[in-house]
Amino acid sequence: MPVIDSKKSFVIFIVVAIALVALGNLVSRNFFFRLDLTENQIYSLSPSSKVILEKIDDFLTAKVYFSENLPGQYGNTRRYLQDILEEYAAYSDGNFRFEFYRPDDDEKLALEAQKSGIQPVQLQVLENDKFEVKRIYMGMVLLYGDKREVLPVIQTTTGLEYEITTRIKKLVDDNRSVVGVANTGASAPAMERVSARLREAYDVRSVFLSAGVPNDIEMLLVNGVVDSLSEDALGALRNYINSGGNLFLAQSKINGDLQAQRGTPIQSNIFDILEPFGVSLADNLVMDRICGTVTVSQQRGFLRFNSAVEYPFFPVLQSFPDHEIVSGLEQVQMLFSSEIVYDTADSTRLVKPLLVTSDHSGAAAGFINLNPIQNQAFQSLNEPGKVVGVYATVASGSLENVMSQLVLVSTSDFLLDGGGGQVPSNGIFVMNAVDVLIGDRDLVALRSREITTRPLQTVEDTTRTTAKTLNIVLPVLLVIVLGLVQWRLVVARAKRLETLYE
């Protein structure tokens, strides 16, 4: 009888154990959490990605071609990629699947990867105590129905979630919004960097204003008009705004010429476009002690050398108001920007500042000297912050309950490849602005989620000197104090031993 009871107890124990394991797997598959202590939660899937995953209504497959046993950071990238893909799968309600392949030793897989657009890269690795050059695969292809998106090379974890989510969004969105890049002169503006980023989420088209703005353009970018528009172009722009069009305008009131070292006013009818929004540009150039640098050539005796000097006409903005366009941004670089003036008394208009310089600002007007060396204008930068970027809305002139939106940045080179367009954080600002104006906010929070820059804050000379002194003196004092403490402990121990053996 006891033997039968033991067998029965053993069977019950096995059944209960199996049931608990099955229940644990079921719960962990559907209910899980990750403790992420990083500042921006970069090791957890963002709410933006989860929203886009909800749009998947069919199987989306990720085929990852990634070599194994990679050195250093590349091995970490592979592990991070696998972790984040597991989160995509967990939040997709079973619609997202992924699989890793190792094409290094499989010619069929290698050929499949190359046909998908993933080419091997040459990487120098340390094996058997010597450096060798190996062909490494580090790419992924996303398949959704008859559409595909490729990440040909994944070398870093920075921005990886944004890259994956952007491509998933591109696959699952059937109707992509159209963004227009205005051509106001004989040649198209050099905005390939910004346009390339916009193509990740939108259809981008060149728009000749003199021929009118097509009806399907949901957002129009205009950069740096230096002369008056033709009547046809100005009329087309006005009609676009009156019909509820959204406009991103990068425009200064002063043309800054660093070669000639002077600023000249811009005479153009483009400023008439701003009147309905209740904003205008002052005839000045804003300066800020927190700024970028320019390279200047200086003569010292028989030697000539180049050096980087701070240039207050290139403000670097590091503090932003509470608005989703600038949410999460760490800095924006301005080049020869004018102050924006606006009136908030009219209830039919809404104007909110987006970009504001620091409280060590100033403004140059009249004859503007742009000399980066020994410029008297740089000596008195103690004015409050100047507004150099705003978001504004106005009721449409022709349609009821329709608002026209404007983002104005008072730098004429803000979108150009040779100007502000080459600054990565400026590109994030442009993408956020376009998303908000069009109404597609899925990626706004994700885009600026990861740390991009952590510049040192500007401090006074006395504070800097104090910090240097403390860095030198404190370690020495700590060593002396620790030495004294250790000496006292040794002396006390010696006395105890003397007392013990007397």
Protein backbone atom coordinates (compact mmCIF):
# COMPACT_ATOMS: atom_id res chain seq x y z
CA MET A 1 0.00 0.00 0.00
CA PRO A 2 2.71 2.48 0.80
CA VAL A 3 4.38 1.57 -2.53
CA ILE A 4 1.16 2.40 -4.44
CA ASP A 5 0.82 5.70 -2.59
CA SER A 6 4.41 6.59 -3.44
CA LYS A 7 3.83 5.86 -7.11
CA LYS A 8 0.62 7.90 -7.10
CA SER A 9 2.38 10.81 -5.36
CA PHE A 10 5.23 10.63 -7.88
CA VAL A 11 2.79 10.72 -10.84
CA ILE A 12 0.89 13.64 -9.31
CA PHE A 13 4.20 15.45 -8.75
CA ILE A 14 5.23 14.94 -12.42
CA VAL A 15 1.83 16.09 -13.71
CA VAL A 16 1.85 19.19 -11.50
CA ALA A 17 5.45 19.99 -12.52
CA ILE A 18 4.60 19.70 -16.23
CA ALA A 19 1.50 21.86 -15.74
CA LEU A 20 3.51 24.52 -13.89
CA VAL A 21 6.20 24.57 -16.60
CA ALA A 22 3.54 24.86 -19.32
CA LEU A 23 1.75 27.62 -17.39
CA GLY A 24 5.04 29.46 -16.80
CA ASN A 25 5.90 29.31 -20.52
CA LEU A 26 2.43 30.55 -21.44
CA VAL A 27 2.57 33.44 -18.99
CA SER A 28 6.13 34.44 -19.91
CA ARG A 29 5.23 34.35 -23.61
CA ASN A 30 2.31 36.71 -23.25
CA PHE A 31 3.18 38.72 -20.12
CA PHE A 32 6.73 39.96 -19.66
CA PHE A 33 8.64 43.05 -18.74
CA ARG A 34 12.16 44.38 -19.07
CA LEU A 35 13.91 46.50 -16.46
CA ASP A 36 15.71 49.17 -18.50
CA LEU A 37 17.65 51.71 -16.43
CA THR A 38 19.08 53.70 -19.37
CA GLU A 39 18.03 57.36 -19.57
CA ASN A 40 16.02 57.05 -22.78
CA GLN A 41 15.04 53.37 -22.41
CA ILE A 42 17.10 52.49 -25.48
CA TYR A 43 17.11 48.76 -24.64
CA SER A 44 13.33 48.51 -24.60
CA LEU A 45 10.93 48.77 -27.49
CA SER A 46 9.47 52.28 -27.66
CA PRO A 47 5.74 53.07 -27.68
CA SER A 48 6.15 54.36 -31.26
CA SER A 49 7.37 50.96 -32.44
CA LYS A 50 4.52 49.20 -30.63
CA VAL A 51 1.96 51.44 -32.36
CA ILE A 52 3.41 50.60 -35.77
CA LEU A 53 3.48 46.88 -34.96
CA GLU A 54 -0.27 47.04 -34.36
CA LYS A 55 -0.72 47.97 -38.03
CA ILE A 56 0.71 44.65 -39.24
CA ASP A 57 -2.19 42.53 -40.47
CA ASP A 58 -0.18 39.77 -42.16
CA PHE A 59 3.04 37.87 -41.52
CA LEU A 60 6.15 40.06 -41.61
CA THR A 61 9.38 38.07 -41.76
CA ALA A 62 12.87 39.28 -40.89
CA LYS A 63 15.69 37.24 -42.40
CA VAL A 64 18.93 38.16 -40.67
CA TYR A 65 22.21 37.27 -42.39
CA PHE A 66 24.79 37.76 -39.66
CA SER A 67 28.17 36.14 -39.13
CA GLU A 68 28.98 34.63 -35.74
CA ASN A 69 31.96 34.95 -33.39
CA LEU A 70 32.45 38.59 -34.26
CA PRO A 71 34.89 40.68 -32.22
CA GLY A 72 34.08 43.45 -29.75
CA GLN A 73 31.29 45.82 -30.65
CA TYR A 74 30.12 43.77 -33.63
CA GLY A 75 29.35 40.84 -31.38
CA ASN A 76 27.42 43.19 -29.08
CA THR A 77 25.50 44.51 -32.08
CA ARG A 78 24.44 40.98 -33.01
CA ARG A 79 23.22 40.27 -29.47
CA TYR A 80 21.39 43.59 -29.28
CA LEU A 81 19.75 42.92 -32.65
CA GLN A 82 18.52 39.51 -31.51
CA ASP A 83 17.17 40.97 -28.26
CA ILE A 84 15.26 43.76 -29.98
CA LEU A 85 13.85 41.43 -32.65
CA GLU A 86 12.52 39.22 -29.87
CA GLU A 87 10.66 42.25 -28.50
CA TYR A 88 9.26 43.05 -31.95
CA ALA A 89 7.98 39.48 -32.15
CA ALA A 90 6.53 39.59 -28.64
CA TYR A 91 4.52 42.77 -29.27
CA SER A 92 3.35 41.87 -32.79
CA ASP A 93 0.62 39.41 -31.76
CA GLY A 94 2.40 36.69 -33.70
CA ASN A 95 2.66 38.64 -36.96
CA PHE A 96 6.40 39.37 -36.76
CA ARG A 97 8.84 36.52 -37.17
CA PHE A 98 12.60 36.44 -37.55
CA GLU A 99 15.38 33.95 -38.13
CA PHE A 100 19.17 34.24 -38.12
CA TYR A 101 21.25 32.73 -40.91
CA ARG A 102 25.00 32.24 -41.12
CA PRO A 103 26.04 32.50 -44.76
CA ASP A 104 29.82 32.33 -44.13
CA ASP A 105 30.12 28.59 -44.76
CA ASP A 106 27.03 28.12 -46.94
CA GLU A 107 27.32 29.22 -50.56
CA LYS A 108 23.57 28.94 -51.09
CA LEU A 109 22.84 31.27 -48.16
CA ALA A 110 25.60 33.65 -49.26
CA LEU A 111 24.09 33.86 -52.74
CA GLU A 112 20.61 34.35 -51.24
CA ALA A 113 21.89 37.20 -49.05
CA GLN A 114 23.61 38.93 -51.98
CA LYS A 115 20.49 38.65 -54.14
CA SER A 116 18.56 40.32 -51.32
CA GLY A 117 21.00 43.26 -51.38
CA ILE A 118 23.22 42.23 -48.47
CA GLN A 119 26.85 42.21 -49.52
CA PRO A 120 29.70 41.00 -47.30
CA VAL A 121 31.98 43.63 -45.79
CA GLN A 122 35.68 43.21 -45.13
CA LEU A 123 36.59 43.39 -41.47
CA GLN A 124 39.98 43.07 -39.78
CA VAL A 125 39.75 40.61 -36.90
CA LEU A 126 42.28 39.12 -34.49
CA GLU A 127 42.51 35.33 -34.77
CA ASN A 128 45.31 33.00 -33.64
CA ASP A 129 47.33 35.99 -32.35
CA LYS A 130 47.35 37.74 -35.72
CA PHE A 131 45.13 40.11 -37.64
CA GLU A 132 43.21 38.69 -40.58
CA VAL A 133 40.80 40.23 -43.05
CA LYS A 134 37.48 38.34 -43.16
CA ARG A 135 34.33 38.72 -45.21
CA ILE A 136 31.52 39.39 -42.75
CA TYR A 137 27.74 39.46 -43.26
CA MET A 138 25.82 41.93 -41.09
CA GLY A 139 22.49 42.62 -42.79
CA MET A 140 18.76 41.98 -42.65
CA VAL A 141 15.86 41.86 -45.10
CA LEU A 142 12.23 42.45 -44.11
CA LEU A 143 9.57 40.65 -46.17
CA TYR A 144 5.90 41.63 -46.14
CA GLY A 145 3.68 40.26 -48.87
CA ASP A 146 5.39 41.11 -52.16
CA LYS A 147 7.31 44.04 -50.64
CA ARG A 148 10.74 44.07 -49.06
CA GLU A 149 13.05 46.44 -47.21
CA VAL A 150 16.77 45.88 -46.69
CA LEU A 151 19.25 46.95 -44.04
CA PRO A 152 22.42 46.00 -45.92
CA VAL A 153 24.92 46.70 -43.12
CA ILE A 154 24.21 46.79 -39.38
CA GLN A 155 27.43 47.85 -37.66
CA THR A 156 26.12 49.72 -34.61
CA THR A 157 23.22 49.68 -32.19
CA THR A 158 22.81 53.47 -32.37
CA GLY A 159 19.54 54.28 -34.12
CA LEU A 160 18.91 50.62 -34.95
CA GLU A 161 15.35 50.54 -33.58
CA TYR A 162 14.53 53.67 -35.58
CA GLU A 163 15.92 52.08 -38.77
CA ILE A 164 13.92 48.88 -38.28
CA THR A 165 10.68 50.61 -37.29
CA THR A 166 10.94 53.07 -40.17
CA ARG A 167 11.21 50.23 -42.66
CA ILE A 168 8.35 48.31 -41.06
CA LYS A 169 6.22 51.45 -41.29
CA LYS A 170 7.18 51.81 -44.94
CA LEU A 171 6.07 48.21 -45.59
CA VAL A 172 2.73 48.35 -43.79
CA ASP A 173 1.61 51.85 -44.81
CA ASP A 174 -0.32 51.63 -48.06
CA ASN A 175 -0.70 55.36 -48.68
CA ARG A 176 2.44 57.43 -48.23
CA SER A 177 2.11 61.18 -47.80
CA VAL A 178 3.71 63.46 -50.38
CA VAL A 179 6.23 66.13 -49.38
CA GLY A 180 7.18 68.82 -51.88
CA VAL A 181 10.56 70.56 -52.13
CA ALA A 182 10.00 74.00 -53.65
CA ASN A 183 12.11 75.12 -56.57
CA THR A 184 12.02 78.91 -56.54
CA GLY A 185 14.72 79.63 -59.12
CA ALA A 186 16.50 78.32 -62.19
CA SER A 187 18.03 75.34 -60.34
CA ALA A 188 16.80 73.03 -57.62
CA PRO A 189 18.16 73.65 -54.10
CA ALA A 190 20.90 71.28 -52.92
CA MET A 191 18.88 69.45 -50.27
CA GLU A 192 19.78 65.83 -50.94
CA ARG A 193 20.62 64.99 -47.31
CA VAL A 194 17.25 66.19 -46.03
CA SER A 195 15.41 64.70 -49.02
CA ALA A 196 17.06 61.31 -48.46
CA ARG A 197 15.84 61.25 -44.87
CA LEU A 198 12.34 62.30 -45.91
CA ARG A 199 12.19 59.47 -48.47
CA GLU A 200 12.43 56.99 -45.60
CA ALA A 201 8.81 57.79 -44.72
CA TYR A 202 7.38 59.96 -47.52
CA ASP A 203 7.24 60.44 -51.25
CA VAL A 204 9.39 63.48 -52.05
CA ARG A 205 8.78 65.56 -55.17
CA SER A 206 10.27 68.72 -56.62
CA VAL A 207 7.68 71.49 -57.00
CA PHE A 208 8.14 74.40 -59.41
CA LEU A 209 6.19 77.16 -57.70
CA SER A 210 5.66 79.12 -60.91
CA ALA A 211 3.66 76.14 -62.24
CA GLY A 212 1.54 75.88 -59.08
CA VAL A 213 1.49 73.46 -56.15
CA PRO A 214 -0.18 70.09 -56.93
CA ASN A 215 -3.21 69.20 -54.81
CA ASP A 216 -1.62 66.05 -53.35
CA ILE A 217 1.27 67.93 -51.73
CA GLU A 218 0.61 67.70 -47.98
CA MET A 219 3.75 69.54 -46.93
CA LEU A 220 5.98 72.04 -48.74
CA LEU A 221 9.59 72.89 -47.89
CA VAL A 222 10.96 76.28 -48.99
CA ASN A 223 14.58 77.19 -48.32
CA GLY A 224 16.49 80.45 -48.50
CA VAL A 225 14.83 82.78 -51.02
CA VAL A 226 17.34 85.54 -51.84
CA ASP A 227 15.23 87.51 -54.34
CA SER A 228 11.55 88.22 -54.98
CA LEU A 229 9.40 85.42 -56.33
CA SER A 230 7.56 85.83 -59.60
CA GLU A 231 3.89 86.78 -59.35
CA ASP A 232 2.90 83.26 -60.43
CA ALA A 233 5.13 81.64 -57.80
CA LEU A 234 3.97 83.96 -55.02
CA GLY A 235 0.33 83.47 -56.00
CA ALA A 236 0.74 79.68 -56.01
CA LEU A 237 2.29 79.78 -52.54
CA ARG A 238 -0.52 81.98 -51.21
CA ASN A 239 -3.18 79.71 -52.72
CA TYR A 240 -1.50 76.69 -51.16
CA ILE A 241 -1.56 78.30 -47.69
CA ASN A 242 -5.14 79.58 -48.07
CA SER A 243 -6.30 76.07 -48.94
CA GLY A 244 -4.87 74.63 -45.72
CA GLY A 245 -1.37 73.78 -46.93
CA ASN A 246 1.50 73.13 -44.50
CA LEU A 247 4.75 75.05 -44.95
CA PHE A 248 8.30 74.63 -43.63
CA LEU A 249 10.18 77.84 -44.38
CA ALA A 250 13.89 78.31 -43.72
CA GLN A 251 14.48 82.01 -44.28
CA SER A 252 16.67 84.72 -42.81
CA LYS A 253 16.25 88.48 -43.22
CA ILE A 254 20.01 89.04 -43.63
CA ASN A 255 22.31 87.27 -46.06
CA GLY A 256 25.49 86.39 -44.18
CA ASP A 257 28.65 86.26 -46.33
CA LEU A 258 31.57 84.94 -44.32
CA GLN A 259 34.02 85.46 -47.17
CA ALA A 260 33.13 89.15 -47.51
CA GLN A 261 32.68 89.33 -43.70
CA ARG A 262 29.50 91.35 -43.88
CA GLY A 263 25.75 90.86 -43.81
CA THR A 264 23.38 92.38 -46.36
CA PRO A 265 19.57 92.69 -46.13
CA ILE A 266 17.45 90.38 -48.28
CA GLN A 267 14.83 92.19 -50.35
CA SER A 268 12.09 89.69 -51.23
CA ASN A 269 8.31 89.35 -51.33
CA ILE A 270 8.64 85.95 -49.61
CA PHE A 271 8.19 87.80 -46.31
CA ASP A 272 4.61 88.68 -47.31
CA ILE A 273 3.77 84.99 -46.82
CA LEU A 274 4.38 85.37 -43.07
CA GLU A 275 1.81 88.11 -42.51
CA PRO A 276 -1.27 85.84 -42.17
CA PHE A 277 0.52 83.89 -39.43
CA GLY A 278 1.33 87.05 -37.47
CA VAL A 279 5.11 86.54 -37.54
CA SER A 280 7.92 88.59 -39.08
CA LEU A 281 11.70 88.69 -39.21
CA ALA A 282 13.80 91.49 -37.73
CA ASP A 283 16.56 93.13 -39.78
CA ASN A 284 19.35 91.64 -37.70
CA LEU A 285 21.53 88.61 -37.11
CA VAL A 286 21.35 86.81 -33.78
CA MET A 287 24.48 85.96 -31.77
CA ASP A 288 24.95 83.54 -28.90
CA ARG A 289 27.92 82.79 -26.67
CA ILE A 290 27.01 79.09 -26.95
CA CYS A 291 27.96 78.62 -30.57
CA GLY A 292 29.69 76.63 -33.25
CA THR A 293 33.13 77.25 -34.68
CA VAL A 294 34.67 78.39 -37.94
CA THR A 295 38.15 77.71 -39.25
CA VAL A 296 40.26 80.81 -39.76
CA SER A 297 43.75 81.27 -41.16
CA GLN A 298 46.09 83.35 -39.00
CA GLN A 299 49.59 84.67 -39.57
CA ARG A 300 52.13 84.42 -36.76
CA GLY A 301 55.49 85.73 -37.90
CA PHE A 302 56.58 83.67 -40.89
CA LEU A 303 54.04 80.94 -40.13
CA ARG A 304 50.43 80.69 -41.25
CA PHE A 305 48.15 78.17 -39.57
CA ASN A 306 44.46 77.28 -39.42
CA SER A 307 42.56 77.18 -36.15
CA ALA A 308 38.93 76.73 -35.07
CA VAL A 309 37.45 79.72 -33.24
CA GLU A 310 34.04 80.12 -31.63
CA TYR A 311 31.65 82.09 -33.84
CA PRO A 312 28.58 83.56 -32.10
CA PHE A 313 26.78 84.06 -35.43
CA PHE A 314 26.44 80.23 -35.48
CA PRO A 315 24.28 79.68 -32.34
CA VAL A 316 24.01 76.18 -30.91
CA LEU A 317 20.67 75.70 -29.16
CA GLN A 318 20.68 73.24 -26.26
CA SER A 319 17.48 74.11 -24.38
CA PHE A 320 14.03 73.78 -25.92
CA PRO A 321 10.43 74.73 -25.02
CA ASP A 322 7.78 72.10 -24.36
CA HIS A 323 6.67 71.08 -27.87
CA GLU A 324 6.63 67.69 -29.58
CA ILE A 325 8.67 68.92 -32.57
CA VAL A 326 11.67 69.55 -30.31
CA SER A 327 10.93 66.80 -27.79
CA GLY A 328 14.08 64.82 -27.00
CA LEU A 329 16.40 67.01 -29.08
CA GLU A 330 19.76 67.77 -27.54
CA GLN A 331 20.91 70.53 -29.85
CA VAL A 332 20.19 72.41 -33.09
CA GLN A 333 22.78 74.38 -35.07
CA MET A 334 21.84 77.73 -36.61
CA LEU A 335 23.77 79.71 -39.25
CA PHE A 336 23.27 83.47 -39.65
CA SER A 337 19.76 83.56 -38.21
CA SER A 338 17.49 86.56 -37.71
CA GLU A 339 15.24 87.18 -34.74
CA ILE A 340 11.58 86.21 -35.16
CA VAL A 341 8.99 88.70 -33.92
CA TYR A 342 5.36 87.74 -33.34
CA ASP A 343 2.17 88.94 -31.68
CA THR A 344 0.04 86.59 -29.57
CA ALA A 345 -2.88 88.98 -29.10
CA ASP A 346 -4.87 87.65 -32.09
CA SER A 347 -6.90 84.62 -30.96
CA THR A 348 -7.31 83.35 -34.55
CA ARG A 349 -3.59 82.67 -34.68
CA LEU A 350 -1.36 80.41 -32.67
CA VAL A 351 2.37 81.03 -32.42
CA LYS A 352 4.67 78.90 -30.27
CA PRO A 353 8.45 79.29 -30.04
CA LEU A 354 10.47 76.22 -30.94
CA LEU A 355 14.06 77.44 -31.11
CA VAL A 356 15.38 79.99 -28.63
CA THR A 357 18.98 81.04 -28.01
CA SER A 358 20.52 81.17 -24.53
CA ASP A 359 20.51 84.08 -22.10
CA HIS A 360 23.97 85.04 -23.37
CA SER A 361 22.64 86.39 -26.66
CA GLY A 362 22.82 89.54 -28.74
CA ALA A 363 21.79 90.90 -32.13
CA ALA A 364 23.74 92.80 -34.78
CA ALA A 365 21.88 95.27 -37.02
CA GLY A 366 22.71 98.02 -39.50
CA PHE A 367 26.20 97.51 -40.85
CA ILE A 368 26.91 93.94 -39.72
CA ASN A 369 30.55 92.97 -39.35
CA LEU A 370 30.98 89.19 -39.65
CA ASN A 371 34.70 89.09 -38.87
CA PRO A 372 35.24 86.04 -36.60
CA ILE A 373 38.32 87.58 -34.92
CA GLN A 374 38.38 90.66 -32.68
CA ASN A 375 34.75 91.50 -33.39
CA GLN A 376 33.45 94.10 -30.94
CA ALA A 377 29.91 92.74 -31.25
CA PHE A 378 31.03 89.56 -29.44
CA GLN A 379 31.97 91.46 -26.28
CA SER A 380 28.42 92.22 -25.09
CA LEU A 381 26.45 88.96 -25.30
CA ASN A 382 24.26 89.38 -22.22
CA GLU A 383 20.75 89.77 -23.63
CA PRO A 384 17.86 87.30 -23.04
CA GLY A 385 17.26 84.50 -25.53
CA LYS A 386 16.15 85.34 -29.06
CA VAL A 387 13.46 83.34 -30.87
CA VAL A 388 14.84 81.87 -34.10
CA GLY A 389 12.23 79.17 -34.80
CA VAL A 390 8.44 79.05 -34.35
CA TYR A 391 5.41 76.88 -35.00
CA ALA A 392 2.37 78.89 -36.15
CA THR A 393 -1.15 78.22 -37.39
CA VAL A 394 -3.84 80.35 -39.01
CA ALA A 395 -7.38 79.62 -40.10
CA SER A 396 -7.63 78.84 -43.80
CA GLY A 397 -8.89 81.69 -45.93
CA SER A 398 -11.06 79.50 -48.14
CA LEU A 399 -12.07 76.43 -46.11
CA GLU A 400 -13.99 76.22 -42.85
CA ASN A 401 -12.40 74.51 -39.86
CA VAL A 402 -9.14 74.04 -41.77
CA MET A 403 -5.86 75.33 -40.35
CA SER A 404 -2.72 76.12 -42.27
CA GLN A 405 0.47 75.31 -40.34
CA LEU A 406 3.89 76.91 -40.54
CA VAL A 407 7.30 76.05 -39.14
CA LEU A 408 9.63 79.00 -39.62
CA VAL A 409 13.37 78.67 -39.01
CA SER A 410 15.21 81.94 -39.50
CA THR A 411 18.29 80.48 -41.21
CA SER A 412 18.40 80.51 -45.00
CA ASP A 413 20.87 77.57 -45.18
CA PHE A 414 19.06 75.35 -42.69
CA LEU A 415 18.00 72.71 -45.26
CA LEU A 416 20.98 72.89 -47.61
CA ASP A 417 23.65 70.18 -47.85
CA GLY A 418 26.42 72.76 -47.49
CA GLY A 419 24.76 74.43 -44.50
CA GLY A 420 22.52 73.26 -41.69
CA GLY A 421 21.42 70.18 -43.63
CA GLN A 422 24.71 68.44 -42.84
CA VAL A 423 24.08 68.62 -39.07
CA PRO A 424 22.41 65.32 -37.96
CA SER A 425 20.36 66.92 -35.17
CA ASN A 426 19.00 69.49 -37.64
CA GLY A 427 17.78 66.62 -39.77
CA ILE A 428 15.93 65.17 -36.78
CA PHE A 429 14.26 68.54 -36.22
CA VAL A 430 13.14 68.70 -39.87
CA MET A 431 11.75 65.16 -39.79
CA ASN A 432 9.87 65.85 -36.55
CA ALA A 433 8.43 69.07 -38.00
CA VAL A 434 7.25 67.31 -41.16
CA ASP A 435 5.68 64.49 -39.13
CA VAL A 436 3.78 66.92 -36.91
CA LEU A 437 2.61 69.15 -39.76
CA ILE A 438 1.35 66.20 -41.78
CA GLY A 439 -0.19 64.56 -38.72
CA ASP A 440 1.91 61.39 -38.80
CA ARG A 441 3.46 61.36 -35.32
CA ASP A 442 4.38 57.67 -35.05
CA LEU A 443 8.15 58.20 -35.25
CA VAL A 444 8.56 61.59 -33.57
CA ALA A 445 9.39 60.26 -30.10
CA LEU A 446 11.54 57.42 -31.44
CA ARG A 447 13.67 59.53 -33.80
CA SER A 448 15.45 61.53 -31.11
CA ARG A 449 15.32 58.82 -28.48
CA GLU A 450 18.96 57.83 -28.41
CA ILE A 451 21.75 60.05 -27.14
CA THR A 452 23.36 61.93 -30.04
CA THR A 453 25.50 64.58 -28.40
CA ARG A 454 26.44 65.45 -24.87
CA PRO A 455 28.31 68.74 -25.19
CA LEU A 456 30.00 70.31 -22.19
CA GLN A 457 28.08 73.28 -20.90
CA THR A 458 29.69 76.70 -21.16
CA VAL A 459 30.98 77.89 -17.78
CA GLU A 460 32.48 81.08 -16.48
CA ASP A 461 36.28 81.46 -16.29
CA THR A 462 36.23 81.56 -12.48
CA THR A 463 34.20 78.33 -12.34
CA ARG A 464 36.57 76.66 -14.79
CA THR A 465 39.61 77.71 -12.75
CA THR A 466 38.01 76.46 -9.54
CA ALA A 467 37.20 73.10 -11.12
CA LYS A 468 40.79 72.70 -12.39
CA THR A 469 42.20 73.56 -8.96
CA LEU A 470 39.90 71.08 -7.22
CA ASN A 471 40.85 68.36 -9.71
CA ILE A 472 44.51 68.88 -8.82
CA VAL A 473 44.24 69.44 -5.05
CA LEU A 474 41.46 67.03 -4.02
CA PRO A 475 43.19 63.79 -5.16
CA VAL A 476 46.36 64.82 -3.29
CA LEU A 477 44.38 65.63 -0.13
CA LEU A 478 42.53 62.33 -0.35
CA VAL A 479 45.80 60.39 -0.62
CA ILE A 480 47.21 62.28 2.40
CA VAL A 481 44.07 61.65 4.47
CA LEU A 482 44.04 57.94 3.55
CA GLY A 483 47.73 57.74 4.46
CA LEU A 484 47.12 59.35 7.85
CA VAL A 485 44.18 57.02 8.54
CA GLN A 486 46.29 54.00 7.60
CA TRP A 487 49.16 55.24 9.78
CA ARG A 488 46.84 55.70 12.76
CA LEU A 489 45.47 52.19 12.27
CA VAL A 490 48.98 50.73 12.21
CA VAL A 491 49.97 52.66 15.35
CA ALA A 492 46.81 51.53 17.16
CA ARG A 493 47.46 47.90 16.19
CA ALA A 494 51.05 48.11 17.36
CA LYS A 495 49.92 49.43 20.75
CA ARG A 496 47.40 46.62 21.12
CA LEU A 497 50.09 44.05 20.38
CA GLU A 498 52.45 45.65 22.91
CA THR A 499 49.72 45.56 25.55
CA LEU A 500 48.90 41.94 24.71
CA TYR A 501 52.46 40.59 25.01
CA GLU A 502 53.70 42.66 27.93
